[in-house]
């Protein structure tokens, strides 16, 4: 039938249009998307790689600071609220539970 024919012509044939686009845009080592991939993702000095290491891996970057200060620090505000409202035996929620 027609859809079956289109499937084999566009998907299974080695010279169909989508197959050609796939190999031209995905498999060719000098196509544009492949170049962008290696320039933005794999190059050690590209912009996204720089942003990744500056915002994610650096021990003094901004997001790392936000993570360690509000989440990991043992004296941060949310940690204090957690122990005050959840773990303390005389906190408000504990009082409401028993009352």
PDB file of N, CA and C in Angstrom:
ATOM      1  N   UNK A   1       0.842  -1.188   0.000  1.00  0.00           N
ATOM      2  CA  UNK A   1       0.000   0.000   0.000  1.00  0.00           C
ATOM      3  C   UNK A   1       0.874   1.234   0.000  1.00  0.00           C
ATOM      4  N   UNK A   2       0.217   2.391  -0.003  1.00  0.00           N
ATOM      5  CA  UNK A   2       0.956   3.629  -0.217  1.00  0.00           C
ATOM      6  C   UNK A   2       1.874   3.966   0.957  1.00  0.00           C
ATOM      7  N   UNK A   3       1.368   3.877   2.177  1.00  0.00           N
ATOM      8  CA  UNK A   3       2.209   4.211   3.327  1.00  0.00           C
ATOM      9  C   UNK A   3       3.367   3.227   3.465  1.00  0.00           C
ATOM     10  N   UNK A   4       3.082   1.973   3.157  1.00  0.00           N
ATOM     11  CA  UNK A   4       4.149   0.983   3.195  1.00  0.00           C
ATOM     12  C   UNK A   4       5.213   1.299   2.156  1.00  0.00           C
ATOM     13  N   UNK A   5       4.761   1.722   0.960  1.00  0.00           N
ATOM     14  CA  UNK A   5       5.705   2.112  -0.073  1.00  0.00           C
ATOM     15  C   UNK A   5       6.526   3.322   0.367  1.00  0.00           C
ATOM     16  N   UNK A   6       5.868   4.312   0.959  1.00  0.00           N
ATOM     17  CA  UNK A   6       6.612   5.479   1.435  1.00  0.00           C
ATOM     18  C   UNK A   6       7.604   5.094   2.521  1.00  0.00           C
ATOM     19  N   UNK A   7       7.188   4.170   3.371  1.00  0.00           N
ATOM     20  CA  UNK A   7       8.106   3.747   4.427  1.00  0.00           C
ATOM     21  C   UNK A   7       9.385   3.177   3.827  1.00  0.00           C
ATOM     22  N   UNK A   8       9.264   2.242   2.871  1.00  0.00           N
ATOM     23  CA  UNK A   8      10.450   1.633   2.297  1.00  0.00           C
ATOM     24  C   UNK A   8      11.231   2.601   1.419  1.00  0.00           C
ATOM     25  N   UNK A   9      10.534   3.559   0.810  1.00  0.00           N
ATOM     26  CA  UNK A   9      11.263   4.493  -0.045  1.00  0.00           C
ATOM     27  C   UNK A   9      11.984   5.534   0.797  1.00  0.00           C
ATOM     28  N   UNK A  10      11.399   5.978   1.887  1.00  0.00           N
ATOM     29  CA  UNK A  10      11.994   7.030   2.708  1.00  0.00           C
ATOM     30  C   UNK A  10      12.821   6.504   3.869  1.00  0.00           C
ATOM     31  N   UNK A  11      12.626   5.280   4.269  1.00  0.00           N
ATOM     32  CA  UNK A  11      13.296   4.777   5.466  1.00  0.00           C
ATOM     33  C   UNK A  11      14.279   3.655   5.135  1.00  0.00           C
ATOM     34  N   UNK A  12      13.877   2.711   4.319  1.00  0.00           N
ATOM     35  CA  UNK A  12      14.709   1.535   4.100  1.00  0.00           C
ATOM     36  C   UNK A  12      15.592   1.607   2.867  1.00  0.00           C
ATOM     37  N   UNK A  13      15.253   2.418   1.906  1.00  0.00           N
ATOM     38  CA  UNK A  13      16.061   2.478   0.701  1.00  0.00           C
ATOM     39  C   UNK A  13      17.373   3.188   0.992  1.00  0.00           C
ATOM     40  N   UNK A  14      18.495   2.669   0.474  1.00  0.00           N
ATOM     41  CA  UNK A  14      19.772   3.319   0.777  1.00  0.00           C
ATOM     42  C   UNK A  14      19.989   4.630   0.039  1.00  0.00           C
ATOM     43  N   UNK A  15      19.119   4.981  -0.882  1.00  0.00           N
ATOM     44  CA  UNK A  15      19.290   6.243  -1.588  1.00  0.00           C
ATOM     45  C   UNK A  15      18.049   7.121  -1.486  1.00  0.00           C
ATOM     46  N   UNK A  16      17.270   6.971  -0.482  1.00  0.00           N
ATOM     47  CA  UNK A  16      16.093   7.826  -0.363  1.00  0.00           C
ATOM     48  C   UNK A  16      16.497   9.170   0.231  1.00  0.00           C
ATOM     49  N   UNK A  17      15.537  10.051   0.303  1.00  0.00           N
ATOM     50  CA  UNK A  17      15.826  11.423   0.689  1.00  0.00           C
ATOM     51  C   UNK A  17      16.213  11.536   2.163  1.00  0.00           C
ATOM     52  N   UNK A  18      15.437  10.911   3.053  1.00  0.00           N
ATOM     53  CA  UNK A  18      15.757  11.009   4.478  1.00  0.00           C
ATOM     54  C   UNK A  18      17.076  10.332   4.795  1.00  0.00           C
ATOM     55  N   UNK A  19      17.334   9.219   4.103  1.00  0.00           N
ATOM     56  CA  UNK A  19      18.606   8.548   4.315  1.00  0.00           C
ATOM     57  C   UNK A  19      19.763   9.439   3.887  1.00  0.00           C
ATOM     58  N   UNK A  20      19.575  10.126   2.756  1.00  0.00           N
ATOM     59  CA  UNK A  20      20.598  11.064   2.309  1.00  0.00           C
ATOM     60  C   UNK A  20      20.781  12.190   3.324  1.00  0.00           C
ATOM     61  N   UNK A  21      19.679  12.752   3.817  1.00  0.00           N
ATOM     62  CA  UNK A  21      19.787  13.821   4.811  1.00  0.00           C
ATOM     63  C   UNK A  21      20.448  13.313   6.089  1.00  0.00           C
ATOM     64  N   UNK A  22      20.101  12.089   6.472  1.00  0.00           N
ATOM     65  CA  UNK A  22      20.708  11.539   7.679  1.00  0.00           C
ATOM     66  C   UNK A  22      22.229  11.479   7.542  1.00  0.00           C
ATOM     67  N   UNK A  23      22.708  10.907   6.438  1.00  0.00           N
ATOM     68  CA  UNK A  23      24.148  10.779   6.285  1.00  0.00           C
ATOM     69  C   UNK A  23      24.824  12.113   6.005  1.00  0.00           C
ATOM     70  N   UNK A  24      24.122  13.040   5.385  1.00  0.00           N
ATOM     71  CA  UNK A  24      24.751  14.327   5.113  1.00  0.00           C
ATOM     72  C   UNK A  24      24.809  15.182   6.373  1.00  0.00           C
ATOM     73  N   UNK A  25      23.780  15.128   7.208  1.00  0.00           N
ATOM     74  CA  UNK A  25      23.725  15.967   8.407  1.00  0.00           C
ATOM     75  C   UNK A  25      24.228  15.276   9.662  1.00  0.00           C
ATOM     76  N   UNK A  26      24.289  13.972   9.687  1.00  0.00           N
ATOM     77  CA  UNK A  26      24.634  13.261  10.913  1.00  0.00           C
ATOM     78  C   UNK A  26      25.961  12.509  10.790  1.00  0.00           C
ATOM     79  N   UNK A  27      26.165  11.834   9.696  1.00  0.00           N
ATOM     80  CA  UNK A  27      27.323  10.961   9.593  1.00  0.00           C
ATOM     81  C   UNK A  27      28.528  11.575   8.885  1.00  0.00           C
ATOM     82  N   UNK A  28      28.322  12.601   8.101  1.00  0.00           N
ATOM     83  CA  UNK A  28      29.447  13.175   7.385  1.00  0.00           C
ATOM     84  C   UNK A  28      30.362  13.917   8.351  1.00  0.00           C
ATOM     85  N   UNK A  29      31.677  13.717   8.240  1.00  0.00           N
ATOM     86  CA  UNK A  29      32.570  14.379   9.203  1.00  0.00           C
ATOM     87  C   UNK A  29      32.776  15.861   8.942  1.00  0.00           C
ATOM     88  N   UNK A  30      32.245  16.396   7.845  1.00  0.00           N
ATOM     89  CA  UNK A  30      32.449  17.817   7.574  1.00  0.00           C
ATOM     90  C   UNK A  30      31.127  18.532   7.350  1.00  0.00           C
ATOM     91  N   UNK A  31      30.052  18.067   7.888  1.00  0.00           N
ATOM     92  CA  UNK A  31      28.797  18.787   7.717  1.00  0.00           C
ATOM     93  C   UNK A  31      28.661  19.816   8.820  1.00  0.00           C
ATOM     94  N   UNK A  32      27.654  20.666   8.685  1.00  0.00           N
ATOM     95  CA  UNK A  32      27.545  21.834   9.553  1.00  0.00           C
ATOM     96  C   UNK A  32      27.201  21.452  10.987  1.00  0.00           C
ATOM     97  N   UNK A  33      26.211  20.578  11.166  1.00  0.00           N
ATOM     98  CA  UNK A  33      25.824  20.208  12.528  1.00  0.00           C
ATOM     99  C   UNK A  33      26.942  19.462  13.233  1.00  0.00           C
ATOM    100  N   UNK A  34      27.635  18.623  12.475  1.00  0.00           N
ATOM    101  CA  UNK A  34      28.770  17.919  13.072  1.00  0.00           C
ATOM    102  C   UNK A  34      29.836  18.901  13.516  1.00  0.00           C
ATOM    103  N   UNK A  35      30.078  19.924  12.695  1.00  0.00           N
ATOM    104  CA  UNK A  35      31.029  20.957  13.073  1.00  0.00           C
ATOM    105  C   UNK A  35      30.566  21.700  14.323  1.00  0.00           C
ATOM    106  N   UNK A  36      29.280  22.063  14.365  1.00  0.00           N
ATOM    107  CA  UNK A  36      28.762  22.754  15.545  1.00  0.00           C
ATOM    108  C   UNK A  36      28.864  21.875  16.779  1.00  0.00           C
ATOM    109  N   UNK A  37      28.587  20.581  16.616  1.00  0.00           N
ATOM    110  CA  UNK A  37      28.685  19.680  17.765  1.00  0.00           C
ATOM    111  C   UNK A  37      30.091  19.694  18.350  1.00  0.00           C
ATOM    112  N   UNK A  38      31.097  19.513  17.505  1.00  0.00           N
ATOM    113  CA  UNK A  38      32.451  19.471  18.019  1.00  0.00           C
ATOM    114  C   UNK A  38      32.945  20.837  18.459  1.00  0.00           C
ATOM    115  N   UNK A  39      32.415  21.890  17.856  1.00  0.00           N
ATOM    116  CA  UNK A  39      32.879  23.212  18.263  1.00  0.00           C
ATOM    117  C   UNK A  39      32.230  23.624  19.578  1.00  0.00           C
ATOM    118  N   UNK A  40      30.964  23.289  19.793  1.00  0.00           N
ATOM    119  CA  UNK A  40      30.245  23.716  20.990  1.00  0.00           C
ATOM    120  C   UNK A  40      30.250  22.680  22.110  1.00  0.00           C
ATOM    121  N   UNK A  41      30.512  21.418  21.811  1.00  0.00           N
ATOM    122  CA  UNK A  41      30.386  20.372  22.819  1.00  0.00           C
ATOM    123  C   UNK A  41      31.720  19.713  23.135  1.00  0.00           C
ATOM    124  N   UNK A  42      32.488  19.371  22.123  1.00  0.00           N
ATOM    125  CA  UNK A  42      33.687  18.567  22.350  1.00  0.00           C
ATOM    126  C   UNK A  42      34.977  19.370  22.440  1.00  0.00           C
ATOM    127  N   UNK A  43      34.996  20.573  21.924  1.00  0.00           N
ATOM    128  CA  UNK A  43      36.233  21.337  21.956  1.00  0.00           C
ATOM    129  C   UNK A  43      36.541  21.778  23.385  1.00  0.00           C
ATOM    130  N   UNK A  44      37.785  21.677  23.823  1.00  0.00           N
ATOM    131  CA  UNK A  44      38.085  22.060  25.211  1.00  0.00           C
ATOM    132  C   UNK A  44      38.087  23.558  25.447  1.00  0.00           C
ATOM    133  N   UNK A  45      37.970  24.366  24.417  1.00  0.00           N
ATOM    134  CA  UNK A  45      37.950  25.803  24.622  1.00  0.00           C
ATOM    135  C   UNK A  45      36.715  26.444  23.982  1.00  0.00           C
ATOM    136  N   UNK A  46      35.664  25.733  23.793  1.00  0.00           N
ATOM    137  CA  UNK A  46      34.469  26.332  23.202  1.00  0.00           C
ATOM    138  C   UNK A  46      33.657  27.013  24.302  1.00  0.00           C
ATOM    139  N   UNK A  47      32.629  27.709  23.877  1.00  0.00           N
ATOM    140  CA  UNK A  47      31.874  28.554  24.790  1.00  0.00           C
ATOM    141  C   UNK A  47      31.056  27.740  25.786  1.00  0.00           C
ATOM    142  N   UNK A  48      30.328  26.728  25.290  1.00  0.00           N
ATOM    143  CA  UNK A  48      29.518  25.928  26.205  1.00  0.00           C
ATOM    144  C   UNK A  48      30.386  25.139  27.169  1.00  0.00           C
ATOM    145  N   UNK A  49      31.497  24.646  26.676  1.00  0.00           N
ATOM    146  CA  UNK A  49      32.412  23.930  27.560  1.00  0.00           C
ATOM    147  C   UNK A  49      32.925  24.857  28.644  1.00  0.00           C
ATOM    148  N   UNK A  50      33.244  26.087  28.256  1.00  0.00           N
ATOM    149  CA  UNK A  50      33.679  27.069  29.242  1.00  0.00           C
ATOM    150  C   UNK A  50      32.575  27.353  30.244  1.00  0.00           C
ATOM    151  N   UNK A  51      31.336  27.539  29.771  1.00  0.00           N
ATOM    152  CA  UNK A  51      30.234  27.792  30.689  1.00  0.00           C
ATOM    153  C   UNK A  51      30.005  26.603  31.611  1.00  0.00           C
ATOM    154  N   UNK A  52      30.124  25.392  31.073  1.00  0.00           N
ATOM    155  CA  UNK A  52      29.932  24.210  31.908  1.00  0.00           C
ATOM    156  C   UNK A  52      30.928  24.193  33.056  1.00  0.00           C
ATOM    157  N   UNK A  53      32.213  24.355  32.740  1.00  0.00           N
ATOM    158  CA  UNK A  53      33.208  24.303  33.796  1.00  0.00           C
ATOM    159  C   UNK A  53      33.162  25.534  34.684  1.00  0.00           C
ATOM    160  N   UNK A  54      32.742  26.659  34.166  1.00  0.00           N
ATOM    161  CA  UNK A  54      32.701  27.853  35.004  1.00  0.00           C
ATOM    162  C   UNK A  54      31.495  27.819  35.927  1.00  0.00           C
ATOM    163  N   UNK A  55      30.353  27.309  35.447  1.00  0.00           N
ATOM    164  CA  UNK A  55      29.131  27.315  36.257  1.00  0.00           C
ATOM    165  C   UNK A  55      28.888  26.009  37.007  1.00  0.00           C
ATOM    166  N   UNK A  56      29.506  24.914  36.600  1.00  0.00           N
ATOM    167  CA  UNK A  56      29.173  23.621  37.189  1.00  0.00           C
ATOM    168  C   UNK A  56      30.361  23.006  37.932  1.00  0.00           C
ATOM    169  N   UNK A  57      31.541  23.027  37.346  1.00  0.00           N
ATOM    170  CA  UNK A  57      32.658  22.284  37.910  1.00  0.00           C
ATOM    171  C   UNK A  57      33.605  23.123  38.757  1.00  0.00           C
ATOM    172  N   UNK A  58      33.613  24.408  38.560  1.00  0.00           N
ATOM    173  CA  UNK A  58      34.547  25.229  39.320  1.00  0.00           C
ATOM    174  C   UNK A  58      34.117  25.293  40.776  1.00  0.00           C
ATOM    175  N   UNK A  59      35.079  25.158  41.712  1.00  0.00           N
ATOM    176  CA  UNK A  59      34.682  25.193  43.124  1.00  0.00           C
ATOM    177  C   UNK A  59      34.323  26.585  43.625  1.00  0.00           C
ATOM    178  N   UNK A  60      34.528  27.610  42.841  1.00  0.00           N
ATOM    179  CA  UNK A  60      34.171  28.944  43.294  1.00  0.00           C
ATOM    180  C   UNK A  60      33.240  29.648  42.304  1.00  0.00           C
ATOM    181  N   UNK A  61      32.492  28.929  41.515  1.00  0.00           N
ATOM    182  CA  UNK A  61      31.583  29.562  40.574  1.00  0.00           C
ATOM    183  C   UNK A  61      30.275  29.906  41.289  1.00  0.00           C
ATOM    184  N   UNK A  62      29.441  30.606  40.583  1.00  0.00           N
ATOM    185  CA  UNK A  62      28.240  31.151  41.206  1.00  0.00           C
ATOM    186  C   UNK A  62      27.236  30.072  41.571  1.00  0.00           C
ATOM    187  N   UNK A  63      26.946  29.161  40.634  1.00  0.00           N
ATOM    188  CA  UNK A  63      25.969  28.116  40.939  1.00  0.00           C
ATOM    189  C   UNK A  63      26.485  27.181  42.028  1.00  0.00           C
ATOM    190  N   UNK A  64      27.768  26.907  42.001  1.00  0.00           N
ATOM    191  CA  UNK A  64      28.343  26.070  43.047  1.00  0.00           C
ATOM    192  C   UNK A  64      28.208  26.764  44.395  1.00  0.00           C
ATOM    193  N   UNK A  65      28.438  28.061  44.416  1.00  0.00           N
ATOM    194  CA  UNK A  65      28.263  28.816  45.651  1.00  0.00           C
ATOM    195  C   UNK A  65      26.818  28.759  46.125  1.00  0.00           C
ATOM    196  N   UNK A  66      25.888  28.927  45.205  1.00  0.00           N
ATOM    197  CA  UNK A  66      24.485  28.846  45.607  1.00  0.00           C
ATOM    198  C   UNK A  66      24.140  27.457  46.128  1.00  0.00           C
ATOM    199  N   UNK A  67      24.678  26.423  45.505  1.00  0.00           N
ATOM    200  CA  UNK A  67      24.391  25.070  45.963  1.00  0.00           C
ATOM    201  C   UNK A  67      24.959  24.833  47.358  1.00  0.00           C
ATOM    202  N   UNK A  68      26.227  25.176  47.562  1.00  0.00           N
ATOM    203  CA  UNK A  68      26.873  24.866  48.826  1.00  0.00           C
ATOM    204  C   UNK A  68      26.343  25.766  49.931  1.00  0.00           C
ATOM    205  N   UNK A  69      26.024  26.993  49.631  1.00  0.00           N
ATOM    206  CA  UNK A  69      25.548  27.865  50.704  1.00  0.00           C
ATOM    207  C   UNK A  69      24.124  27.524  51.130  1.00  0.00           C
ATOM    208  N   UNK A  70      23.141  27.357  50.220  1.00  0.00           N
ATOM    209  CA  UNK A  70      21.783  27.064  50.701  1.00  0.00           C
ATOM    210  C   UNK A  70      21.492  25.583  50.936  1.00  0.00           C
ATOM    211  N   UNK A  71      22.296  24.676  50.393  1.00  0.00           N
ATOM    212  CA  UNK A  71      21.924  23.267  50.448  1.00  0.00           C
ATOM    213  C   UNK A  71      22.888  22.460  51.312  1.00  0.00           C
ATOM    214  N   UNK A  72      24.169  22.653  51.136  1.00  0.00           N
ATOM    215  CA  UNK A  72      25.133  21.779  51.780  1.00  0.00           C
ATOM    216  C   UNK A  72      25.710  22.312  53.084  1.00  0.00           C
ATOM    217  N   UNK A  73      25.618  23.582  53.297  1.00  0.00           N
ATOM    218  CA  UNK A  73      26.211  24.138  54.516  1.00  0.00           C
ATOM    219  C   UNK A  73      25.425  23.683  55.736  1.00  0.00           C
ATOM    220  N   UNK A  74      26.116  23.288  56.812  1.00  0.00           N
ATOM    221  CA  UNK A  74      25.389  22.803  57.990  1.00  0.00           C
ATOM    222  C   UNK A  74      24.724  23.910  58.804  1.00  0.00           C
ATOM    223  N   UNK A  75      24.964  25.168  58.493  1.00  0.00           N
ATOM    224  CA  UNK A  75      24.337  26.250  59.239  1.00  0.00           C
ATOM    225  C   UNK A  75      23.536  27.179  58.323  1.00  0.00           C
ATOM    226  N   UNK A  76      23.054  26.692  57.219  1.00  0.00           N
ATOM    227  CA  UNK A  76      22.280  27.552  56.330  1.00  0.00           C
ATOM    228  C   UNK A  76      20.838  27.590  56.810  1.00  0.00           C
ATOM    229  N   UNK A  77      20.092  28.476  56.189  1.00  0.00           N
ATOM    230  CA  UNK A  77      18.752  28.785  56.678  1.00  0.00           C
ATOM    231  C   UNK A  77      17.790  27.614  56.502  1.00  0.00           C
ATOM    232  N   UNK A  78      17.795  26.981  55.308  1.00  0.00           N
ATOM    233  CA  UNK A  78      16.867  25.872  55.090  1.00  0.00           C
ATOM    234  C   UNK A  78      17.206  24.686  55.995  1.00  0.00           C
ATOM    235  N   UNK A  79      18.485  24.463  56.188  1.00  0.00           N
ATOM    236  CA  UNK A  79      18.884  23.388  57.091  1.00  0.00           C
ATOM    237  C   UNK A  79      18.388  23.676  58.502  1.00  0.00           C
ATOM    238  N   UNK A  80      18.512  24.918  58.916  1.00  0.00           N
ATOM    239  CA  UNK A  80      18.007  25.315  60.225  1.00  0.00           C
ATOM    240  C   UNK A  80      16.499  25.131  60.318  1.00  0.00           C
ATOM    241  N   UNK A  81      15.781  25.556  59.271  1.00  0.00           N
ATOM    242  CA  UNK A  81      14.326  25.387  59.285  1.00  0.00           C
ATOM    243  C   UNK A  81      13.949  23.910  59.312  1.00  0.00           C
ATOM    244  N   UNK A  82      14.677  23.091  58.583  1.00  0.00           N
ATOM    245  CA  UNK A  82      14.367  21.667  58.569  1.00  0.00           C
ATOM    246  C   UNK A  82      14.472  21.079  59.970  1.00  0.00           C
ATOM    247  N   UNK A  83      15.580  21.334  60.639  1.00  0.00           N
ATOM    248  CA  UNK A  83      15.746  20.767  61.971  1.00  0.00           C
ATOM    249  C   UNK A  83      14.831  21.430  62.992  1.00  0.00           C
ATOM    250  N   UNK A  84      14.532  22.699  62.778  1.00  0.00           N
ATOM    251  CA  UNK A  84      13.668  23.369  63.736  1.00  0.00           C
ATOM    252  C   UNK A  84      12.220  22.935  63.564  1.00  0.00           C
ATOM    253  N   UNK A  85      11.762  22.730  62.313  1.00  0.00           N
ATOM    254  CA  UNK A  85      10.359  22.396  62.064  1.00  0.00           C
ATOM    255  C   UNK A  85      10.104  20.901  61.956  1.00  0.00           C
ATOM    256  N   UNK A  86      11.129  20.104  61.698  1.00  0.00           N
ATOM    257  CA  UNK A  86      10.885  18.684  61.441  1.00  0.00           C
ATOM    258  C   UNK A  86      11.554  17.787  62.483  1.00  0.00           C
ATOM    259  N   UNK A  87      12.785  18.070  62.821  1.00  0.00           N
ATOM    260  CA  UNK A  87      13.530  17.143  63.672  1.00  0.00           C
ATOM    261  C   UNK A  87      13.536  17.503  65.146  1.00  0.00           C
ATOM    262  N   UNK A  88      13.293  18.738  65.465  1.00  0.00           N
ATOM    263  CA  UNK A  88      13.345  19.118  66.878  1.00  0.00           C
ATOM    264  C   UNK A  88      12.149  18.537  67.618  1.00  0.00           C
ATOM    265  N   UNK A  89      12.354  18.019  68.808  1.00  0.00           N
ATOM    266  CA  UNK A  89      11.224  17.423  69.533  1.00  0.00           C
ATOM    267  C   UNK A  89      10.243  18.460  70.082  1.00  0.00           C
ATOM    268  N   UNK A  90      10.563  19.719  70.024  1.00  0.00           N
ATOM    269  CA  UNK A  90       9.636  20.735  70.499  1.00  0.00           C
ATOM    270  C   UNK A  90       9.295  21.759  69.423  1.00  0.00           C
ATOM    271  N   UNK A  91       9.406  21.384  68.184  1.00  0.00           N
ATOM    272  CA  UNK A  91       9.095  22.336  67.122  1.00  0.00           C
ATOM    273  C   UNK A  91       7.583  22.429  66.927  1.00  0.00           C
ATOM    274  N   UNK A  92       7.200  23.297  66.026  1.00  0.00           N
ATOM    275  CA  UNK A  92       5.794  23.601  65.841  1.00  0.00           C
ATOM    276  C   UNK A  92       5.029  22.425  65.250  1.00  0.00           C
ATOM    277  N   UNK A  93       5.576  21.800  64.210  1.00  0.00           N
ATOM    278  CA  UNK A  93       4.862  20.676  63.603  1.00  0.00           C
ATOM    279  C   UNK A  93       4.774  19.501  64.571  1.00  0.00           C
ATOM    280  N   UNK A  94       5.820  19.286  65.315  1.00  0.00           N
ATOM    281  CA  UNK A  94       5.793  18.216  66.317  1.00  0.00           C
ATOM    282  C   UNK A  94       4.713  18.491  67.359  1.00  0.00           C
ATOM    283  N   UNK A  95       4.620  19.751  67.758  1.00  0.00           N
ATOM    284  CA  UNK A  95       3.595  20.148  68.709  1.00  0.00           C
ATOM    285  C   UNK A  95       2.193  19.939  68.138  1.00  0.00           C
ATOM    286  N   UNK A  96       1.994  20.342  66.882  1.00  0.00           N
ATOM    287  CA  UNK A  96       0.684  20.160  66.260  1.00  0.00           C
ATOM    288  C   UNK A  96       0.339  18.689  66.131  1.00  0.00           C
ATOM    289  N   UNK A  97       1.352  17.854  65.817  1.00  0.00           N
ATOM    290  CA  UNK A  97       1.080  16.433  65.669  1.00  0.00           C
ATOM    291  C   UNK A  97       0.564  15.845  66.981  1.00  0.00           C
ATOM    292  N   UNK A  98       1.234  16.124  68.081  1.00  0.00           N
ATOM    293  CA  UNK A  98       0.809  15.545  69.356  1.00  0.00           C
ATOM    294  C   UNK A  98      -0.431  16.231  69.909  1.00  0.00           C
ATOM    295  N   UNK A  99      -0.606  17.499  69.609  1.00  0.00           N
ATOM    296  CA  UNK A  99      -1.783  18.202  70.095  1.00  0.00           C
ATOM    297  C   UNK A  99      -3.004  17.773  69.269  1.00  0.00           C
TER     298      UNK A  99
END
